[in-house]
Amino acid sequence: MKINTLQVGTLGANCYILEENGLSAVVDPGGSSDVIIEALGNTTLKYIFLTHAHFDHISGLDDIKNRFPEAEIVIHAEEKFWLSDMELNLSTMTGEPFSSKYRADIFVEDGDEIEFAGKKCKVFHTPGHTPGSCSFLIDSNLFSGDTLFESSIGRTDFPGGDSMKIRKSIKDKIFTLPDETTVYPGHMASTTVGREKKFNPFF
């Protein structure tokens, strides 16, 4: 599976484009939708995976969905209303409030599996940064959103954040994966589960 990493939006969040056998999926289209659409090219976009619904991970959502109307939006059920709520998605803080006109197509829970291009995408509910934060595992690649970063963890001082829950999510879910699992976070560089278990100062 090919993974293309783009830095998008005003905060330079990581957006990932996954490609396999002419099919694609986008993880966290946080802005710069023209760049994302160009990178998708002529692939068939199957899914838009949202690790959580903060503005810097969803601001390009409507443009992507307009261009690829058959693509299904995937998010945790606890954040079903956040896409259109400018207070919850924090876009009111930016001076450019964002309210999506779309609802998610698929509401996931912990342990769900979604088939993508013959592969299984497993859902881990990893709350703490937000109540509905999810990490998505495909093969040995984990897309962790703003839950786990290289040598850091996500902020918990926004509405719905919980510092105890985020540590528990990482320890009980992410750190149970094989050490060689590559972690693709919502910001900054990729890392591995083994590296974070050994060097992350929060554990």
C-alpha atoms as a PDB file:
ATOM      1  CA  MET A   1       0.000   0.000   0.000  1.00  0.00           C
ATOM      2  CA  LYS A   2       1.302   3.410  -0.972  1.00  0.00           C
ATOM      3  CA  ILE A   3       1.084   6.142   1.681  1.00  0.00           C
ATOM      4  CA  ASN A   4       1.419   9.767   0.596  1.00  0.00           C
ATOM      5  CA  THR A   5       1.859  12.328   3.388  1.00  0.00           C
ATOM      6  CA  LEU A   6       0.732  15.927   2.873  1.00  0.00           C
ATOM      7  CA  GLN A   7       1.009  18.876   5.263  1.00  0.00           C
ATOM      8  CA  VAL A   8      -2.261  20.761   4.932  1.00  0.00           C
ATOM      9  CA  GLY A   9      -4.181  23.695   6.346  1.00  0.00           C
ATOM     10  CA  THR A  10      -3.082  26.606   8.479  1.00  0.00           C
ATOM     11  CA  LEU A  11      -1.514  24.360  11.128  1.00  0.00           C
ATOM     12  CA  GLY A  12       0.300  22.061   8.738  1.00  0.00           C
ATOM     13  CA  ALA A  13      -1.546  18.954   9.900  1.00  0.00           C
ATOM     14  CA  ASN A  14      -0.728  15.614   8.318  1.00  0.00           C
ATOM     15  CA  CYS A  15      -3.169  14.353   5.730  1.00  0.00           C
ATOM     16  CA  TYR A  16      -2.542  10.852   4.431  1.00  0.00           C
ATOM     17  CA  ILE A  17      -3.567   9.432   1.076  1.00  0.00           C
ATOM     18  CA  LEU A  18      -3.619   5.637   0.934  1.00  0.00           C
ATOM     19  CA  GLU A  19      -3.546   3.927  -2.469  1.00  0.00           C
ATOM     20  CA  GLU A  20      -3.958   0.279  -3.370  1.00  0.00           C
ATOM     21  CA  ASN A  21      -5.018  -1.275  -6.665  1.00  0.00           C
ATOM     22  CA  GLY A  22      -6.482   1.938  -8.051  1.00  0.00           C
ATOM     23  CA  LEU A  23      -8.482   2.624  -4.897  1.00  0.00           C
ATOM     24  CA  SER A  24      -7.705   5.372  -2.399  1.00  0.00           C
ATOM     25  CA  ALA A  25      -8.625   6.628   1.042  1.00  0.00           C
ATOM     26  CA  VAL A  26      -7.901   9.946   2.718  1.00  0.00           C
ATOM     27  CA  VAL A  27      -7.088  10.282   6.407  1.00  0.00           C
ATOM     28  CA  ASP A  28      -7.852  13.712   7.919  1.00  0.00           C
ATOM     29  CA  PRO A  29      -8.337  16.224   5.077  1.00  0.00           C
ATOM     30  CA  GLY A  30      -7.537  19.245   7.233  1.00  0.00           C
ATOM     31  CA  GLY A  31      -7.423  21.897   4.525  1.00  0.00           C
ATOM     32  CA  SER A  32      -5.556  22.623   1.292  1.00  0.00           C
ATOM     33  CA  SER A  33      -8.242  20.643  -0.490  1.00  0.00           C
ATOM     34  CA  ASP A  34      -6.914  21.561  -3.931  1.00  0.00           C
ATOM     35  CA  VAL A  35      -3.593  19.917  -3.047  1.00  0.00           C
ATOM     36  CA  ILE A  36      -5.352  16.791  -1.777  1.00  0.00           C
ATOM     37  CA  ILE A  37      -7.580  16.538  -4.841  1.00  0.00           C
ATOM     38  CA  GLU A  38      -4.589  16.912  -7.153  1.00  0.00           C
ATOM     39  CA  ALA A  39      -2.703  14.214  -5.242  1.00  0.00           C
ATOM     40  CA  LEU A  40      -5.678  11.841  -5.529  1.00  0.00           C
ATOM     41  CA  GLY A  41      -5.601  12.124  -9.295  1.00  0.00           C
ATOM     42  CA  ASN A  42      -7.810   9.590 -11.053  1.00  0.00           C
ATOM     43  CA  THR A  43      -8.029   7.053  -8.266  1.00  0.00           C
ATOM     44  CA  THR A  44     -11.382   5.928  -6.929  1.00  0.00           C
ATOM     45  CA  LEU A  45     -11.779   7.469  -3.478  1.00  0.00           C
ATOM     46  CA  LYS A  46     -13.549   4.972  -1.203  1.00  0.00           C
ATOM     47  CA  TYR A  47     -13.248   6.473   2.270  1.00  0.00           C
ATOM     48  CA  ILE A  48     -12.501   9.662   4.152  1.00  0.00           C
ATOM     49  CA  PHE A  49     -11.244   8.503   7.551  1.00  0.00           C
ATOM     50  CA  LEU A  50     -11.451  11.110  10.320  1.00  0.00           C
ATOM     51  CA  THR A  51      -9.394  10.408  13.432  1.00  0.00           C
ATOM     52  CA  HIS A  52     -11.352  13.183  15.163  1.00  0.00           C
ATOM     53  CA  ALA A  53     -13.321  16.283  14.240  1.00  0.00           C
ATOM     54  CA  HIS A  54     -11.120  19.256  15.108  1.00  0.00           C
ATOM     55  CA  PHE A  55     -11.001  21.866  12.340  1.00  0.00           C
ATOM     56  CA  ASP A  56      -7.386  21.174  11.387  1.00  0.00           C
ATOM     57  CA  HIS A  57      -8.374  17.626  10.449  1.00  0.00           C
ATOM     58  CA  ILE A  58     -11.683  18.277   8.678  1.00  0.00           C
ATOM     59  CA  SER A  59     -11.515  21.697   6.978  1.00  0.00           C
ATOM     60  CA  GLY A  60     -11.071  20.217   3.512  1.00  0.00           C
ATOM     61  CA  LEU A  61     -13.880  17.729   3.983  1.00  0.00           C
ATOM     62  CA  ASP A  62     -16.604  19.430   1.971  1.00  0.00           C
ATOM     63  CA  ASP A  63     -14.415  20.116  -1.057  1.00  0.00           C
ATOM     64  CA  ILE A  64     -13.231  16.497  -1.083  1.00  0.00           C
ATOM     65  CA  LYS A  65     -16.762  15.155  -0.721  1.00  0.00           C
ATOM     66  CA  ASN A  66     -18.025  17.502  -3.434  1.00  0.00           C
ATOM     67  CA  ARG A  67     -15.360  16.188  -5.808  1.00  0.00           C
ATOM     68  CA  PHE A  68     -15.814  12.536  -4.778  1.00  0.00           C
ATOM     69  CA  PRO A  69     -19.482  12.211  -3.728  1.00  0.00           C
ATOM     70  CA  GLU A  70     -19.320   8.413  -3.517  1.00  0.00           C
ATOM     71  CA  ALA A  71     -16.582   8.505  -0.874  1.00  0.00           C
ATOM     72  CA  GLU A  72     -17.848   7.533   2.565  1.00  0.00           C
ATOM     73  CA  ILE A  73     -16.992   9.671   5.602  1.00  0.00           C
ATOM     74  CA  VAL A  74     -15.927   7.594   8.616  1.00  0.00           C
ATOM     75  CA  ILE A  75     -15.885   8.933  12.183  1.00  0.00           C
ATOM     76  CA  HIS A  76     -16.543   7.708  15.714  1.00  0.00           C
ATOM     77  CA  ALA A  77     -20.158   7.894  16.808  1.00  0.00           C
ATOM     78  CA  GLU A  78     -19.350  10.215  19.723  1.00  0.00           C
ATOM     79  CA  GLU A  79     -18.433  12.999  17.313  1.00  0.00           C
ATOM     80  CA  LYS A  80     -21.323  12.674  14.884  1.00  0.00           C
ATOM     81  CA  PHE A  81     -22.373  16.295  15.477  1.00  0.00           C
ATOM     82  CA  TRP A  82     -18.903  17.856  15.601  1.00  0.00           C
ATOM     83  CA  LEU A  83     -18.527  18.228  11.827  1.00  0.00           C
ATOM     84  CA  SER A  84     -21.153  20.959  11.746  1.00  0.00           C
ATOM     85  CA  ASP A  85     -20.635  22.415  15.245  1.00  0.00           C
ATOM     86  CA  MET A  86     -18.130  25.265  15.021  1.00  0.00           C
ATOM     87  CA  GLU A  87     -17.657  25.390  18.799  1.00  0.00           C
ATOM     88  CA  LEU A  88     -16.903  21.693  19.174  1.00  0.00           C
ATOM     89  CA  ASN A  89     -14.625  21.490  16.135  1.00  0.00           C
ATOM     90  CA  LEU A  90     -12.804  24.610  17.433  1.00  0.00           C
ATOM     91  CA  SER A  91     -12.989  26.453  14.128  1.00  0.00           C
ATOM     92  CA  THR A  92     -14.403  29.534  15.856  1.00  0.00           C
ATOM     93  CA  MET A  93     -10.897  30.009  17.279  1.00  0.00           C
ATOM     94  CA  THR A  94      -9.429  30.496  13.801  1.00  0.00           C
ATOM     95  CA  GLY A  95     -11.473  33.410  12.516  1.00  0.00           C
ATOM     96  CA  GLU A  96     -12.650  31.107   9.711  1.00  0.00           C
ATOM     97  CA  PRO A  97     -15.513  29.091  11.217  1.00  0.00           C
ATOM     98  CA  PHE A  98     -16.140  25.769   9.472  1.00  0.00           C
ATOM     99  CA  SER A  99     -19.416  23.899   9.501  1.00  0.00           C
ATOM    100  CA  SER A 100     -19.623  20.892   7.225  1.00  0.00           C
ATOM    101  CA  LYS A 101     -22.782  20.387   5.224  1.00  0.00           C
ATOM    102  CA  TYR A 102     -22.171  16.644   5.333  1.00  0.00           C
ATOM    103  CA  ARG A 103     -22.914  14.021   7.947  1.00  0.00           C
ATOM    104  CA  ALA A 104     -20.711  11.003   8.304  1.00  0.00           C
ATOM    105  CA  ASP A 105     -21.715   7.910   6.338  1.00  0.00           C
ATOM    106  CA  ILE A 106     -20.205   5.393   8.745  1.00  0.00           C
ATOM    107  CA  PHE A 107     -20.122   5.742  12.540  1.00  0.00           C
ATOM    108  CA  VAL A 108     -17.534   3.400  14.017  1.00  0.00           C
ATOM    109  CA  GLU A 109     -16.928   1.912  17.431  1.00  0.00           C
ATOM    110  CA  ASP A 110     -13.882   0.265  19.008  1.00  0.00           C
ATOM    111  CA  GLY A 111     -12.984  -2.999  17.305  1.00  0.00           C
ATOM    112  CA  ASP A 112     -14.883  -2.364  14.080  1.00  0.00           C
ATOM    113  CA  GLU A 113     -13.260  -3.419  10.830  1.00  0.00           C
ATOM    114  CA  ILE A 114     -13.712  -1.766   7.436  1.00  0.00           C
ATOM    115  CA  GLU A 115     -12.595  -3.425   4.216  1.00  0.00           C
ATOM    116  CA  PHE A 116     -10.403  -1.288   1.991  1.00  0.00           C
ATOM    117  CA  ALA A 117      -8.887  -2.596  -1.238  1.00  0.00           C
ATOM    118  CA  GLY A 118      -8.827  -6.144   0.083  1.00  0.00           C
ATOM    119  CA  LYS A 119      -7.288  -5.096   3.385  1.00  0.00           C
ATOM    120  CA  LYS A 120      -8.846  -4.769   6.827  1.00  0.00           C
ATOM    121  CA  CYS A 121      -8.839  -1.389   8.512  1.00  0.00           C
ATOM    122  CA  LYS A 122      -9.255  -1.960  12.243  1.00  0.00           C
ATOM    123  CA  VAL A 123     -10.684   0.802  14.421  1.00  0.00           C
ATOM    124  CA  PHE A 124      -9.247   1.570  17.850  1.00  0.00           C
ATOM    125  CA  HIS A 125     -11.275   4.009  19.952  1.00  0.00           C
ATOM    126  CA  THR A 126      -8.535   6.068  21.613  1.00  0.00           C
ATOM    127  CA  PRO A 127     -10.272   8.871  23.535  1.00  0.00           C
ATOM    128  CA  GLY A 128      -8.445  11.560  25.468  1.00  0.00           C
ATOM    129  CA  HIS A 129      -7.615  14.256  22.946  1.00  0.00           C
ATOM    130  CA  THR A 130     -11.313  14.235  22.079  1.00  0.00           C
ATOM    131  CA  PRO A 131     -14.089  11.871  23.214  1.00  0.00           C
ATOM    132  CA  GLY A 132     -14.319  10.186  19.825  1.00  0.00           C
ATOM    133  CA  SER A 133     -10.668  10.086  18.830  1.00  0.00           C
ATOM    134  CA  CYS A 134      -9.842   6.973  16.820  1.00  0.00           C
ATOM    135  CA  SER A 135      -6.728   5.339  15.493  1.00  0.00           C
ATOM    136  CA  PHE A 136      -6.954   3.304  12.281  1.00  0.00           C
ATOM    137  CA  LEU A 137      -4.726   0.272  11.675  1.00  0.00           C
ATOM    138  CA  ILE A 138      -4.095  -1.037   8.158  1.00  0.00           C
ATOM    139  CA  ASP A 139      -1.442  -3.737   7.830  1.00  0.00           C
ATOM    140  CA  SER A 140       1.348  -2.503  10.152  1.00  0.00           C
ATOM    141  CA  ASN A 141       0.437   1.171   9.743  1.00  0.00           C
ATOM    142  CA  LEU A 142      -1.404   3.040  12.494  1.00  0.00           C
ATOM    143  CA  PHE A 143      -2.938   6.444  11.822  1.00  0.00           C
ATOM    144  CA  SER A 144      -3.111   7.901  15.323  1.00  0.00           C
ATOM    145  CA  GLY A 145      -4.484  11.395  14.747  1.00  0.00           C
ATOM    146  CA  ASP A 146      -3.653  13.628  17.698  1.00  0.00           C
ATOM    147  CA  THR A 147      -3.449  10.820  20.237  1.00  0.00           C
ATOM    148  CA  LEU A 148       0.206   9.799  19.960  1.00  0.00           C
ATOM    149  CA  PHE A 149       3.106  11.763  18.475  1.00  0.00           C
ATOM    150  CA  GLU A 150       6.833  11.209  18.291  1.00  0.00           C
ATOM    151  CA  SER A 151       7.985  11.780  21.891  1.00  0.00           C
ATOM    152  CA  SER A 152       4.684  13.391  22.823  1.00  0.00           C
ATOM    153  CA  ILE A 153       0.930  12.932  23.189  1.00  0.00           C
ATOM    154  CA  GLY A 154      -2.074  15.004  22.188  1.00  0.00           C
ATOM    155  CA  ARG A 155      -3.351  18.037  24.050  1.00  0.00           C
ATOM    156  CA  THR A 156      -6.120  17.450  26.546  1.00  0.00           C
ATOM    157  CA  ASP A 157      -6.997  21.042  27.475  1.00  0.00           C
ATOM    158  CA  PHE A 158      -9.682  21.442  24.805  1.00  0.00           C
ATOM    159  CA  PRO A 159     -13.366  20.651  25.508  1.00  0.00           C
ATOM    160  CA  GLY A 160     -13.796  16.905  25.907  1.00  0.00           C
ATOM    161  CA  GLY A 161     -10.100  16.294  26.559  1.00  0.00           C
ATOM    162  CA  ASP A 162      -8.992  13.984  29.367  1.00  0.00           C
ATOM    163  CA  SER A 163      -5.346  13.442  30.318  1.00  0.00           C
ATOM    164  CA  MET A 164      -5.981  10.143  32.103  1.00  0.00           C
ATOM    165  CA  LYS A 165      -7.986   8.747  29.200  1.00  0.00           C
ATOM    166  CA  ILE A 166      -5.384   9.578  26.583  1.00  0.00           C
ATOM    167  CA  ARG A 167      -2.637   7.803  28.515  1.00  0.00           C
ATOM    168  CA  LYS A 168      -4.904   4.800  29.046  1.00  0.00           C
ATOM    169  CA  SER A 169      -5.780   4.749  25.337  1.00  0.00           C
ATOM    170  CA  ILE A 170      -2.125   4.701  24.369  1.00  0.00           C
ATOM    171  CA  LYS A 171      -1.069   2.128  26.955  1.00  0.00           C
ATOM    172  CA  ASP A 172      -4.038  -0.227  26.564  1.00  0.00           C
ATOM    173  CA  LYS A 173      -4.542   0.027  22.803  1.00  0.00           C
ATOM    174  CA  ILE A 174      -1.570   1.405  20.883  1.00  0.00           C
ATOM    175  CA  PHE A 175       1.231  -0.009  23.030  1.00  0.00           C
ATOM    176  CA  THR A 176      -0.222  -3.516  22.687  1.00  0.00           C
ATOM    177  CA  LEU A 177       0.603  -3.465  18.966  1.00  0.00           C
ATOM    178  CA  PRO A 178       3.886  -4.928  17.665  1.00  0.00           C
ATOM    179  CA  ASP A 179       6.917  -2.706  18.202  1.00  0.00           C
ATOM    180  CA  GLU A 180       7.531  -2.441  14.460  1.00  0.00           C
ATOM    181  CA  THR A 181       4.113  -0.864  13.834  1.00  0.00           C
ATOM    182  CA  THR A 182       4.613   2.490  12.110  1.00  0.00           C
ATOM    183  CA  VAL A 183       2.683   5.355  13.699  1.00  0.00           C
ATOM    184  CA  TYR A 184       1.489   8.093  11.374  1.00  0.00           C
ATOM    185  CA  PRO A 185       0.388  10.992  13.633  1.00  0.00           C
ATOM    186  CA  GLY A 186      -1.730  14.046  12.961  1.00  0.00           C
ATOM    187  CA  HIS A 187       1.285  16.352  13.237  1.00  0.00           C
ATOM    188  CA  MET A 188       5.054  15.984  12.993  1.00  0.00           C
ATOM    189  CA  ALA A 189       7.053  12.977  11.838  1.00  0.00           C
ATOM    190  CA  SER A 190       6.125   9.318  11.837  1.00  0.00           C
ATOM    191  CA  THR A 191       7.466   7.008  14.516  1.00  0.00           C
ATOM    192  CA  THR A 192       7.040   3.428  15.723  1.00  0.00           C
ATOM    193  CA  VAL A 193       5.255   1.819  18.623  1.00  0.00           C
ATOM    194  CA  GLY A 194       8.544   0.382  19.902  1.00  0.00           C
ATOM    195  CA  ARG A 195      10.259   3.751  19.881  1.00  0.00           C
ATOM    196  CA  GLU A 196       7.460   5.430  21.792  1.00  0.00           C
ATOM    197  CA  LYS A 197       7.265   2.678  24.386  1.00  0.00           C
ATOM    198  CA  LYS A 198      10.982   3.161  25.004  1.00  0.00           C
ATOM    199  CA  PHE A 199      11.502   6.909  24.667  1.00  0.00           C
ATOM    200  CA  ASN A 200       8.216   8.775  25.013  1.00  0.00           C
ATOM    201  CA  PRO A 201       8.634  10.927  28.154  1.00  0.00           C
ATOM    202  CA  PHE A 202       4.928  10.658  29.041  1.00  0.00           C
ATOM    203  CA  PHE A 203       5.318   6.949  29.876  1.00  0.00           C
END
